[in-house]
Amino acid sequence: MEKVTYNKMQVLMLDTGPGSQAFSVIEDGAVGKAITVKQPYASMLVTGKKKFEYRSWKLQDDLTDSVIFIHAGKSVLKERVNVTDELYVRTLEDVNEEDLYGCIIGCVAFGKPEKTLRGYAWPVKSFRKLDEPIRNVKGHLGIWEFMVSKESDK
């Protein structure tokens, strides 16, 4: 489990359908689940510009309609998939301006994955960008956990 430092408490509520919500609280000692996504797609997910996350593997059933944090990887995906060049370039400019690499930038609630020819499409049901990113986060493959600490261990 990766430890991250974040000195602000934040309550995140995501609408997951009629009469239901998923929520998470970022505070000292809180544990969250995250997935690493390369930029600019990470930013597109947390701002609602990307409607599906494509993976070769199926999202676990118990994570459907749950809060999953989006970790923006440290590199840029050069290949453009299912977005216009203008949207890709404009989002990448915003990412570079805010230096949104190697940090947790928001969260989403994914719906039930749909089977595709090459794997699975996870529909984004709800999304939220954090007021301030959680910086200096390494990230991992697959779904991974992190624990919030108010003070830096350094």
N, C-alpha and C. Protein backbone atom coordinates (compact mmCIF):
# COMPACT_ATOMS: atom_id res chain seq x y z
N MET A 1 0.86 -1.18 0.00
CA MET A 1 0.00 0.00 0.00
C MET A 1 0.90 1.23 0.00
N GLU A 2 0.63 2.14 -0.91
CA GLU A 2 1.43 3.35 -1.01
C GLU A 2 0.90 4.41 -0.04
N LYS A 3 1.80 5.10 0.64
CA LYS A 3 1.41 6.21 1.52
C LYS A 3 1.54 7.51 0.76
N VAL A 4 0.51 8.36 0.87
CA VAL A 4 0.52 9.65 0.20
C VAL A 4 0.28 10.75 1.23
N THR A 5 0.79 11.93 0.95
CA THR A 5 0.64 13.05 1.87
C THR A 5 -0.37 14.04 1.30
N TYR A 6 -1.34 14.42 2.12
CA TYR A 6 -2.37 15.38 1.70
C TYR A 6 -2.88 16.08 2.95
N ASN A 7 -2.69 17.37 3.02
CA ASN A 7 -3.01 18.11 4.25
C ASN A 7 -4.38 18.76 4.25
N LYS A 8 -5.23 18.38 3.32
CA LYS A 8 -6.56 18.95 3.25
C LYS A 8 -7.59 17.82 3.35
N MET A 9 -8.62 18.00 4.14
CA MET A 9 -9.69 17.00 4.19
C MET A 9 -10.69 17.32 3.09
N GLN A 10 -11.15 16.29 2.40
CA GLN A 10 -12.12 16.49 1.34
C GLN A 10 -13.10 15.32 1.32
N VAL A 11 -14.39 15.63 1.24
CA VAL A 11 -15.43 14.62 1.12
C VAL A 11 -15.84 14.57 -0.34
N LEU A 12 -15.85 13.38 -0.91
CA LEU A 12 -16.19 13.21 -2.32
C LEU A 12 -17.46 12.38 -2.44
N MET A 13 -18.47 12.94 -3.07
CA MET A 13 -19.73 12.23 -3.31
C MET A 13 -19.90 12.07 -4.82
N LEU A 14 -20.17 10.86 -5.26
CA LEU A 14 -20.40 10.59 -6.67
C LEU A 14 -21.77 9.96 -6.85
N ASP A 15 -22.55 10.52 -7.75
CA ASP A 15 -23.87 9.99 -8.07
C ASP A 15 -23.69 8.76 -8.94
N THR A 16 -24.20 7.63 -8.51
CA THR A 16 -24.03 6.39 -9.28
C THR A 16 -25.33 5.88 -9.88
N GLY A 17 -26.37 6.64 -9.78
CA GLY A 17 -27.65 6.24 -10.35
C GLY A 17 -28.79 6.77 -9.53
N PRO A 18 -30.02 6.52 -9.95
CA PRO A 18 -31.18 7.02 -9.23
C PRO A 18 -31.18 6.59 -7.76
N GLY A 19 -31.07 7.55 -6.87
CA GLY A 19 -31.16 7.29 -5.44
C GLY A 19 -29.94 6.64 -4.82
N SER A 20 -28.82 6.57 -5.55
CA SER A 20 -27.64 5.95 -4.95
C SER A 20 -26.40 6.80 -5.18
N GLN A 21 -25.49 6.72 -4.22
CA GLN A 21 -24.25 7.49 -4.27
C GLN A 21 -23.10 6.65 -3.75
N ALA A 22 -21.92 6.99 -4.23
CA ALA A 22 -20.69 6.43 -3.67
C ALA A 22 -19.96 7.61 -3.04
N PHE A 23 -19.28 7.37 -1.94
CA PHE A 23 -18.57 8.47 -1.32
C PHE A 23 -17.25 7.99 -0.74
N SER A 24 -16.35 8.95 -0.59
CA SER A 24 -15.05 8.69 0.01
C SER A 24 -14.62 9.96 0.72
N VAL A 25 -13.83 9.80 1.76
CA VAL A 25 -13.31 10.94 2.50
C VAL A 25 -11.79 10.87 2.44
N ILE A 26 -11.18 11.97 2.04
CA ILE A 26 -9.72 12.06 2.07
C ILE A 26 -9.35 12.75 3.37
N GLU A 27 -8.78 11.98 4.27
CA GLU A 27 -8.34 12.51 5.57
C GLU A 27 -7.23 11.61 6.08
N ASP A 28 -6.57 12.03 7.14
CA ASP A 28 -5.48 11.27 7.72
C ASP A 28 -5.94 9.85 8.04
N GLY A 29 -5.23 8.87 7.53
CA GLY A 29 -5.54 7.47 7.80
C GLY A 29 -6.50 6.83 6.83
N ALA A 30 -7.11 7.61 5.94
CA ALA A 30 -8.06 7.05 4.98
C ALA A 30 -7.35 6.19 3.95
N VAL A 31 -8.02 5.15 3.51
CA VAL A 31 -7.50 4.25 2.48
C VAL A 31 -8.40 4.37 1.26
N GLY A 32 -7.77 4.48 0.09
CA GLY A 32 -8.52 4.56 -1.15
C GLY A 32 -7.99 3.61 -2.19
N LYS A 33 -8.80 3.31 -3.18
CA LYS A 33 -8.38 2.47 -4.30
C LYS A 33 -8.17 3.38 -5.50
N ALA A 34 -7.14 3.08 -6.29
CA ALA A 34 -6.80 3.93 -7.41
C ALA A 34 -6.38 3.10 -8.62
N ILE A 35 -6.37 3.76 -9.75
CA ILE A 35 -5.86 3.17 -11.00
C ILE A 35 -5.02 4.24 -11.68
N THR A 36 -3.91 3.82 -12.25
CA THR A 36 -3.04 4.75 -12.97
C THR A 36 -3.45 4.81 -14.43
N VAL A 37 -3.61 6.04 -14.92
CA VAL A 37 -3.99 6.30 -16.31
C VAL A 37 -3.03 7.35 -16.85
N LYS A 38 -2.53 7.15 -18.06
CA LYS A 38 -1.62 8.12 -18.65
C LYS A 38 -2.38 9.40 -19.04
N GLN A 39 -1.64 10.49 -19.03
CA GLN A 39 -2.20 11.77 -19.45
C GLN A 39 -2.24 11.82 -20.98
N PRO A 40 -3.16 12.53 -21.58
CA PRO A 40 -4.16 13.40 -20.97
C PRO A 40 -5.46 12.68 -20.60
N TYR A 41 -5.48 11.34 -20.76
CA TYR A 41 -6.71 10.59 -20.51
C TYR A 41 -7.14 10.60 -19.05
N ALA A 42 -6.18 10.67 -18.14
CA ALA A 42 -6.54 10.76 -16.72
C ALA A 42 -7.37 12.02 -16.47
N SER A 43 -6.91 13.14 -17.01
CA SER A 43 -7.65 14.40 -16.84
C SER A 43 -9.00 14.36 -17.54
N MET A 44 -9.06 13.70 -18.68
CA MET A 44 -10.33 13.58 -19.39
C MET A 44 -11.34 12.77 -18.58
N LEU A 45 -10.87 11.75 -17.86
CA LEU A 45 -11.78 10.95 -17.03
C LEU A 45 -12.38 11.77 -15.90
N VAL A 46 -11.56 12.55 -15.20
CA VAL A 46 -12.05 13.26 -14.01
C VAL A 46 -12.81 14.55 -14.35
N THR A 47 -12.81 14.91 -15.63
CA THR A 47 -13.59 16.09 -16.05
C THR A 47 -14.78 15.71 -16.93
N GLY A 48 -14.98 14.42 -17.13
CA GLY A 48 -16.14 13.96 -17.89
C GLY A 48 -15.97 14.00 -19.40
N LYS A 49 -14.77 14.27 -19.88
CA LYS A 49 -14.54 14.33 -21.34
C LYS A 49 -14.34 12.95 -21.93
N LYS A 50 -14.02 11.98 -21.12
CA LYS A 50 -13.83 10.60 -21.57
C LYS A 50 -14.91 9.76 -20.93
N LYS A 51 -15.68 9.08 -21.73
CA LYS A 51 -16.86 8.35 -21.24
C LYS A 51 -16.59 6.89 -20.89
N PHE A 52 -15.47 6.35 -21.36
CA PHE A 52 -15.12 4.96 -21.09
C PHE A 52 -13.63 4.86 -20.81
N GLU A 53 -13.26 3.94 -19.94
CA GLU A 53 -11.86 3.57 -19.74
C GLU A 53 -11.72 2.17 -20.31
N TYR A 54 -10.78 1.99 -21.23
CA TYR A 54 -10.60 0.71 -21.90
C TYR A 54 -9.43 -0.05 -21.28
N ARG A 55 -9.70 -1.29 -20.91
CA ARG A 55 -8.69 -2.16 -20.32
C ARG A 55 -8.82 -3.55 -20.91
N SER A 56 -7.75 -4.33 -20.83
CA SER A 56 -7.80 -5.71 -21.32
C SER A 56 -8.44 -6.63 -20.29
N TRP A 57 -8.66 -6.12 -19.10
CA TRP A 57 -9.22 -6.92 -18.01
C TRP A 57 -10.50 -6.28 -17.47
N LYS A 58 -11.32 -7.13 -16.89
CA LYS A 58 -12.62 -6.69 -16.36
C LYS A 58 -12.46 -6.09 -14.97
N LEU A 59 -13.17 -5.00 -14.73
CA LEU A 59 -13.21 -4.41 -13.39
C LEU A 59 -13.93 -5.37 -12.45
N GLN A 60 -13.38 -5.56 -11.27
CA GLN A 60 -14.01 -6.46 -10.29
C GLN A 60 -15.44 -5.99 -10.01
N ASP A 61 -16.35 -6.94 -9.86
CA ASP A 61 -17.76 -6.62 -9.61
C ASP A 61 -17.94 -5.75 -8.37
N ASP A 62 -17.16 -6.01 -7.31
CA ASP A 62 -17.34 -5.24 -6.08
C ASP A 62 -16.82 -3.80 -6.20
N LEU A 63 -16.14 -3.47 -7.29
CA LEU A 63 -15.66 -2.09 -7.50
C LEU A 63 -16.58 -1.28 -8.42
N THR A 64 -17.56 -1.96 -9.03
CA THR A 64 -18.54 -1.24 -9.84
C THR A 64 -19.33 -0.31 -8.92
N ASP A 65 -19.54 0.93 -9.37
CA ASP A 65 -20.27 1.97 -8.60
C ASP A 65 -19.54 2.39 -7.32
N SER A 66 -18.23 2.12 -7.24
CA SER A 66 -17.43 2.55 -6.09
C SER A 66 -16.55 3.72 -6.50
N VAL A 67 -16.04 4.44 -5.51
CA VAL A 67 -15.10 5.53 -5.79
C VAL A 67 -13.73 4.92 -6.09
N ILE A 68 -13.24 5.20 -7.29
CA ILE A 68 -11.90 4.79 -7.68
C ILE A 68 -11.14 6.06 -8.06
N PHE A 69 -10.02 6.27 -7.39
CA PHE A 69 -9.22 7.47 -7.64
C PHE A 69 -8.41 7.30 -8.91
N ILE A 70 -8.22 8.40 -9.61
CA ILE A 70 -7.46 8.39 -10.85
C ILE A 70 -6.09 8.99 -10.58
N HIS A 71 -5.08 8.16 -10.79
CA HIS A 71 -3.69 8.59 -10.65
C HIS A 71 -3.17 8.89 -12.06
N ALA A 72 -2.72 10.12 -12.28
CA ALA A 72 -2.15 10.50 -13.56
C ALA A 72 -0.70 10.02 -13.59
N GLY A 73 -0.41 9.14 -14.53
CA GLY A 73 0.94 8.62 -14.65
C GLY A 73 1.95 9.70 -14.97
N LYS A 74 3.21 9.32 -14.93
CA LYS A 74 4.28 10.31 -15.15
C LYS A 74 4.59 10.53 -16.62
N SER A 75 3.95 9.77 -17.51
CA SER A 75 4.22 9.94 -18.94
C SER A 75 2.94 10.24 -19.70
N VAL A 76 3.11 10.63 -20.94
CA VAL A 76 1.99 10.98 -21.82
C VAL A 76 1.77 9.84 -22.80
N LEU A 77 0.52 9.50 -23.03
CA LEU A 77 0.19 8.50 -24.04
C LEU A 77 0.21 9.19 -25.40
N LYS A 78 1.09 8.74 -26.26
CA LYS A 78 1.26 9.39 -27.57
C LYS A 78 0.15 9.04 -28.55
N GLU A 79 -0.43 7.87 -28.38
CA GLU A 79 -1.48 7.40 -29.28
C GLU A 79 -2.83 8.00 -28.86
N ARG A 80 -3.56 8.55 -29.79
CA ARG A 80 -4.86 9.15 -29.49
C ARG A 80 -5.96 8.14 -29.77
N VAL A 81 -6.81 7.91 -28.78
CA VAL A 81 -7.85 6.90 -28.91
C VAL A 81 -9.21 7.53 -28.61
N ASN A 82 -10.11 7.49 -29.57
CA ASN A 82 -11.51 7.92 -29.39
C ASN A 82 -11.68 9.37 -28.94
N VAL A 83 -10.77 10.23 -29.28
CA VAL A 83 -10.95 11.65 -29.00
C VAL A 83 -10.46 12.44 -30.20
N THR A 84 -10.98 13.62 -30.37
CA THR A 84 -10.52 14.45 -31.48
C THR A 84 -9.15 15.02 -31.16
N ASP A 85 -8.42 15.36 -32.20
CA ASP A 85 -7.10 15.96 -32.01
C ASP A 85 -7.19 17.24 -31.19
N GLU A 86 -8.21 18.05 -31.46
CA GLU A 86 -8.37 19.32 -30.75
C GLU A 86 -8.58 19.09 -29.25
N LEU A 87 -9.43 18.15 -28.89
CA LEU A 87 -9.69 17.85 -27.48
C LEU A 87 -8.43 17.31 -26.81
N TYR A 88 -7.72 16.43 -27.50
CA TYR A 88 -6.48 15.86 -26.97
C TYR A 88 -5.46 16.96 -26.69
N VAL A 89 -5.23 17.82 -27.67
CA VAL A 89 -4.23 18.88 -27.55
C VAL A 89 -4.62 19.88 -26.47
N ARG A 90 -5.88 20.29 -26.45
CA ARG A 90 -6.34 21.27 -25.45
C ARG A 90 -6.21 20.71 -24.03
N THR A 91 -6.59 19.45 -23.84
CA THR A 91 -6.48 18.84 -22.51
C THR A 91 -5.02 18.68 -22.12
N LEU A 92 -4.18 18.28 -23.06
CA LEU A 92 -2.76 18.13 -22.77
C LEU A 92 -2.13 19.47 -22.38
N GLU A 93 -2.55 20.55 -23.00
CA GLU A 93 -2.06 21.88 -22.63
C GLU A 93 -2.43 22.21 -21.19
N ASP A 94 -3.67 21.90 -20.79
CA ASP A 94 -4.11 22.13 -19.41
C ASP A 94 -3.30 21.28 -18.43
N VAL A 95 -3.06 20.02 -18.79
CA VAL A 95 -2.29 19.10 -17.96
C VAL A 95 -0.88 19.65 -17.73
N ASN A 96 -0.25 20.10 -18.81
CA ASN A 96 1.11 20.62 -18.71
C ASN A 96 1.15 21.90 -17.88
N GLU A 97 0.15 22.76 -18.04
CA GLU A 97 0.10 24.01 -17.29
C GLU A 97 -0.02 23.74 -15.79
N GLU A 98 -0.83 22.77 -15.41
CA GLU A 98 -1.04 22.45 -13.99
C GLU A 98 -0.03 21.43 -13.47
N ASP A 99 0.84 20.91 -14.35
CA ASP A 99 1.83 19.89 -13.99
C ASP A 99 1.16 18.69 -13.32
N LEU A 100 0.19 18.11 -14.01
CA LEU A 100 -0.58 16.99 -13.46
C LEU A 100 -0.02 15.65 -13.90
N TYR A 101 1.18 15.36 -13.42
CA TYR A 101 1.85 14.08 -13.68
C TYR A 101 2.28 13.50 -12.34
N GLY A 102 2.15 12.18 -12.19
CA GLY A 102 2.58 11.53 -10.96
C GLY A 102 1.77 11.97 -9.76
N CYS A 103 0.47 12.18 -9.95
CA CYS A 103 -0.38 12.61 -8.83
C CYS A 103 -1.79 12.07 -9.00
N ILE A 104 -2.51 12.00 -7.88
CA ILE A 104 -3.92 11.61 -7.89
C ILE A 104 -4.70 12.89 -8.14
N ILE A 105 -5.49 12.90 -9.21
CA ILE A 105 -6.14 14.15 -9.64
C ILE A 105 -7.65 14.17 -9.45
N GLY A 106 -8.24 13.04 -9.14
CA GLY A 106 -9.69 13.00 -8.98
C GLY A 106 -10.17 11.58 -8.81
N CYS A 107 -11.46 11.39 -9.00
CA CYS A 107 -12.02 10.05 -8.85
C CYS A 107 -13.20 9.87 -9.80
N VAL A 108 -13.54 8.62 -10.02
CA VAL A 108 -14.69 8.27 -10.86
C VAL A 108 -15.42 7.10 -10.21
N ALA A 109 -16.64 6.90 -10.67
CA ALA A 109 -17.39 5.68 -10.36
C ALA A 109 -17.66 5.04 -11.72
N PHE A 110 -17.17 3.83 -11.91
CA PHE A 110 -17.38 3.11 -13.16
C PHE A 110 -18.62 2.24 -13.04
N GLY A 111 -19.34 2.12 -14.14
CA GLY A 111 -20.47 1.21 -14.21
C GLY A 111 -19.99 -0.19 -14.58
N LYS A 112 -20.92 -1.06 -14.87
CA LYS A 112 -20.60 -2.45 -15.22
C LYS A 112 -19.82 -2.47 -16.53
N PRO A 113 -18.64 -3.11 -16.55
CA PRO A 113 -17.83 -3.17 -17.77
C PRO A 113 -18.54 -3.88 -18.91
N GLU A 114 -18.30 -3.39 -20.11
CA GLU A 114 -18.87 -4.00 -21.31
C GLU A 114 -17.76 -4.70 -22.08
N LYS A 115 -18.01 -5.92 -22.54
CA LYS A 115 -17.02 -6.69 -23.30
C LYS A 115 -16.86 -6.07 -24.68
N THR A 116 -15.60 -5.91 -25.12
CA THR A 116 -15.29 -5.42 -26.45
C THR A 116 -14.44 -6.46 -27.17
N LEU A 117 -14.06 -6.19 -28.40
CA LEU A 117 -13.23 -7.13 -29.15
C LEU A 117 -11.86 -7.32 -28.52
N ARG A 118 -11.33 -6.25 -27.91
CA ARG A 118 -9.98 -6.31 -27.34
C ARG A 118 -9.93 -6.33 -25.83
N GLY A 119 -11.04 -6.38 -25.18
CA GLY A 119 -11.04 -6.38 -23.72
C GLY A 119 -12.35 -5.87 -23.15
N TYR A 120 -12.28 -4.80 -22.34
CA TYR A 120 -13.46 -4.27 -21.67
C TYR A 120 -13.49 -2.75 -21.71
N ALA A 121 -14.70 -2.24 -21.81
CA ALA A 121 -14.93 -0.80 -21.72
C ALA A 121 -15.65 -0.55 -20.40
N TRP A 122 -15.04 0.26 -19.55
CA TRP A 122 -15.63 0.59 -18.26
C TRP A 122 -16.34 1.93 -18.41
N PRO A 123 -17.67 1.96 -18.35
CA PRO A 123 -18.37 3.24 -18.51
C PRO A 123 -18.21 4.14 -17.27
N VAL A 124 -17.95 5.41 -17.51
CA VAL A 124 -17.83 6.38 -16.42
C VAL A 124 -19.24 6.85 -16.07
N LYS A 125 -19.69 6.54 -14.86
CA LYS A 125 -21.02 6.96 -14.41
C LYS A 125 -20.99 8.32 -13.75
N SER A 126 -19.89 8.61 -13.05
CA SER A 126 -19.78 9.87 -12.32
C SER A 126 -18.29 10.18 -12.16
N PHE A 127 -17.97 11.45 -12.04
CA PHE A 127 -16.57 11.86 -11.97
C PHE A 127 -16.43 13.11 -11.10
N ARG A 128 -15.21 13.32 -10.62
CA ARG A 128 -14.93 14.52 -9.83
C ARG A 128 -13.43 14.78 -9.82
N LYS A 129 -13.05 15.99 -10.10
CA LYS A 129 -11.65 16.41 -10.03
C LYS A 129 -11.40 16.93 -8.62
N LEU A 130 -10.27 16.56 -8.03
CA LEU A 130 -9.93 17.06 -6.69
C LEU A 130 -9.66 18.56 -6.74
N ASP A 131 -9.97 19.25 -5.65
CA ASP A 131 -9.67 20.67 -5.56
C ASP A 131 -8.18 20.91 -5.72
N GLU A 132 -7.38 20.05 -5.11
CA GLU A 132 -5.93 20.09 -5.22
C GLU A 132 -5.46 18.66 -5.43
N PRO A 133 -4.55 18.42 -6.38
CA PRO A 133 -4.08 17.04 -6.59
C PRO A 133 -3.24 16.56 -5.41
N ILE A 134 -3.20 15.25 -5.25
CA ILE A 134 -2.30 14.63 -4.28
C ILE A 134 -1.02 14.34 -5.04
N ARG A 135 0.01 15.09 -4.77
CA ARG A 135 1.25 15.06 -5.57
C ARG A 135 2.25 14.00 -5.08
N ASN A 136 3.22 13.75 -5.94
CA ASN A 136 4.33 12.83 -5.66
C ASN A 136 3.86 11.42 -5.32
N VAL A 137 3.00 10.89 -6.18
CA VAL A 137 2.47 9.54 -5.99
C VAL A 137 3.06 8.65 -7.08
N LYS A 138 3.63 7.54 -6.68
CA LYS A 138 4.30 6.63 -7.61
C LYS A 138 3.31 5.93 -8.54
N GLY A 139 2.25 5.35 -7.98
CA GLY A 139 1.30 4.59 -8.78
C GLY A 139 1.75 3.15 -8.97
N HIS A 140 0.85 2.32 -9.48
CA HIS A 140 1.11 0.89 -9.67
C HIS A 140 0.25 0.37 -10.81
N LEU A 141 0.50 -0.85 -11.23
CA LEU A 141 -0.34 -1.49 -12.24
C LEU A 141 -1.63 -1.98 -11.60
N GLY A 142 -2.69 -2.05 -12.39
CA GLY A 142 -3.98 -2.55 -11.91
C GLY A 142 -4.63 -1.62 -10.92
N ILE A 143 -5.56 -2.14 -10.15
CA ILE A 143 -6.19 -1.38 -9.07
C ILE A 143 -5.28 -1.52 -7.85
N TRP A 144 -4.92 -0.42 -7.24
CA TRP A 144 -4.01 -0.43 -6.10
C TRP A 144 -4.55 0.45 -4.99
N GLU A 145 -4.02 0.26 -3.78
CA GLU A 145 -4.49 1.01 -2.62
C GLU A 145 -3.45 2.02 -2.16
N PHE A 146 -3.96 3.10 -1.58
CA PHE A 146 -3.08 4.09 -0.96
C PHE A 146 -3.67 4.49 0.37
N MET A 147 -2.80 4.99 1.27
CA MET A 147 -3.24 5.49 2.56
C MET A 147 -2.81 6.94 2.68
N VAL A 148 -3.73 7.77 3.16
CA VAL A 148 -3.47 9.19 3.29
C VAL A 148 -2.79 9.48 4.63
N SER A 149 -1.76 10.29 4.57
CA SER A 149 -1.08 10.76 5.76
C SER A 149 -1.04 12.28 5.72
N LYS A 150 -1.32 12.91 6.84
CA LYS A 150 -1.30 14.38 6.88
C LYS A 150 0.10 14.95 6.83
N GLU A 151 1.03 14.24 7.38
CA GLU A 151 2.41 14.73 7.44
C GLU A 151 3.31 13.87 6.56
N SER A 152 4.27 14.49 5.96
CA SER A 152 5.23 13.78 5.13
C SER A 152 6.12 12.90 6.00
N ASP A 153 6.40 11.70 5.51
CA ASP A 153 7.28 10.77 6.24
C ASP A 153 8.76 11.08 6.00
N LYS A 154 9.04 12.07 5.16
CA LYS A 154 10.42 12.39 4.79
C LYS A 154 11.09 13.20 5.85
